[in-house]
Amino acid sequence: MGAAAQSQMPNFSLDDVRALAAELYGVHGNITPLPSERDQNFALFAAEDEAYVLKIANGGEDVAMLECQNQAMAQVAANVGNAPVVAPTLAGQTIASVAAED
């Protein structure tokens, strides 16, 4: 990974992620970091056996690439049983923009 991609890697704390999950999705639960090369990913385990993956994309990522990833997930979900799907935000967005203080 190049220096430009590394410099735009997100660096949100667990408290930040907890607040984003509540604000954007209305979801509360236990959060565990997941490995990632250029993004920040988290497993979020909510009440009643609900589980989510929250991805905070690299700041240098093209929105068109993120949309392509969402479309690929939708295609798989439409053709394969029990596949993950993109959960929209409370505002109905499939991609939301956020920024860290730094």
Protein backbone atom coordinates (compact mmCIF):
# COMPACT_ATOMS: atom_id res chain seq x y z
CA MET A 1 0.00 0.00 0.00
CA GLY A 2 1.36 3.42 -0.92
CA ALA A 3 2.01 6.27 1.47
CA ALA A 4 -1.00 8.23 0.17
CA ALA A 5 -3.38 5.36 0.95
CA GLN A 6 -1.83 4.88 4.39
CA SER A 7 -2.12 8.57 5.21
CA GLN A 8 -5.85 8.44 4.50
CA MET A 9 -6.56 5.31 6.54
CA PRO A 10 -9.34 6.01 9.02
CA ASN A 11 -8.43 6.10 12.68
CA PHE A 12 -11.70 6.10 14.61
CA SER A 13 -11.76 5.00 18.25
CA LEU A 14 -14.21 2.40 19.53
CA ASP A 15 -16.15 5.23 21.21
CA ASP A 16 -16.32 7.06 17.85
CA VAL A 17 -17.56 3.92 16.12
CA ARG A 18 -20.12 3.27 18.85
CA ALA A 19 -21.45 6.82 18.41
CA LEU A 20 -21.53 6.50 14.59
CA ALA A 21 -23.44 3.20 14.76
CA ALA A 22 -26.02 4.77 17.06
CA GLU A 23 -26.31 8.04 15.14
CA LEU A 24 -26.32 6.65 11.60
CA TYR A 25 -28.06 3.30 12.11
CA GLY A 26 -29.76 3.40 15.50
CA VAL A 27 -27.79 0.29 16.43
CA HIS A 28 -26.23 -0.27 19.85
CA GLY A 29 -24.10 -3.21 20.92
CA ASN A 30 -20.65 -4.64 21.44
CA ILE A 31 -18.03 -3.57 18.92
CA THR A 32 -14.92 -5.54 17.97
CA PRO A 33 -12.27 -4.32 15.50
CA LEU A 34 -11.72 -6.50 12.43
CA PRO A 35 -8.51 -6.61 10.35
CA SER A 36 -8.24 -4.49 7.23
CA GLU A 37 -5.47 -3.35 4.93
CA ARG A 38 -6.76 0.15 4.10
CA ASP A 39 -10.12 0.66 5.85
CA GLN A 40 -11.40 0.30 9.38
CA ASN A 41 -13.86 -2.55 9.86
CA PHE A 42 -15.79 -3.49 12.98
CA ALA A 43 -18.09 -6.32 14.02
CA LEU A 44 -21.10 -4.94 15.86
CA PHE A 45 -23.18 -7.40 17.87
CA ALA A 46 -26.55 -5.90 18.77
CA ALA A 47 -29.48 -7.22 20.79
CA GLU A 48 -31.43 -10.30 19.73
CA ASP A 49 -28.60 -11.95 17.78
CA GLU A 50 -28.26 -9.13 15.25
CA ALA A 51 -24.75 -8.83 13.82
CA TYR A 52 -23.35 -6.17 11.52
CA VAL A 53 -20.06 -5.21 9.92
CA LEU A 54 -19.42 -1.48 9.93
CA LYS A 55 -16.88 -0.41 7.30
CA ILE A 56 -15.22 2.99 7.47
CA ALA A 57 -13.58 3.34 4.08
CA ASN A 58 -10.18 4.83 3.43
CA GLY A 59 -10.44 8.58 2.82
CA GLY A 60 -8.78 8.14 -0.58
CA GLU A 61 -11.31 5.56 -1.79
CA ASP A 62 -13.39 6.55 -4.81
CA VAL A 63 -17.13 6.62 -3.98
CA ALA A 64 -17.79 4.81 -7.28
CA MET A 65 -15.70 1.87 -6.00
CA LEU A 66 -17.70 1.77 -2.77
CA GLU A 67 -20.93 1.82 -4.77
CA CYS A 68 -19.57 -1.04 -6.91
CA GLN A 69 -18.84 -3.06 -3.76
CA ASN A 70 -22.40 -2.46 -2.52
CA GLN A 71 -23.83 -3.51 -5.89
CA ALA A 72 -21.73 -6.68 -5.85
CA MET A 73 -23.05 -7.54 -2.39
CA ALA A 74 -26.63 -6.92 -3.58
CA GLN A 75 -26.08 -9.19 -6.58
CA VAL A 76 -24.73 -11.99 -4.40
CA ALA A 77 -27.60 -11.59 -1.91
CA ALA A 78 -30.13 -11.78 -4.75
CA ASN A 79 -28.67 -15.06 -6.01
CA VAL A 80 -27.37 -16.83 -2.90
CA GLY A 81 -29.26 -17.64 0.25
CA ASN A 82 -28.15 -16.24 3.59
CA ALA A 83 -25.71 -13.66 2.18
CA PRO A 84 -24.89 -10.33 3.84
CA VAL A 85 -26.73 -7.24 2.61
CA VAL A 86 -26.01 -3.52 2.85
CA ALA A 87 -28.02 -1.94 5.64
CA PRO A 88 -29.12 1.63 4.88
CA THR A 89 -28.64 4.40 7.41
CA LEU A 90 -31.64 5.83 9.23
CA ALA A 91 -31.71 8.47 6.46
CA GLY A 92 -31.86 5.74 3.79
CA GLN A 93 -28.28 6.14 2.55
CA THR A 94 -26.17 3.14 1.54
CA ILE A 95 -23.00 5.22 1.89
CA ALA A 96 -22.63 7.96 4.50
CA SER A 97 -19.76 10.44 4.76
CA VAL A 98 -18.11 10.95 8.14
CA ALA A 99 -14.92 12.66 9.24
CA ALA A 100 -12.73 12.24 12.28
CA GLU A 101 -11.58 15.25 14.24
CA ASP A 102 -8.06 14.72 12.95
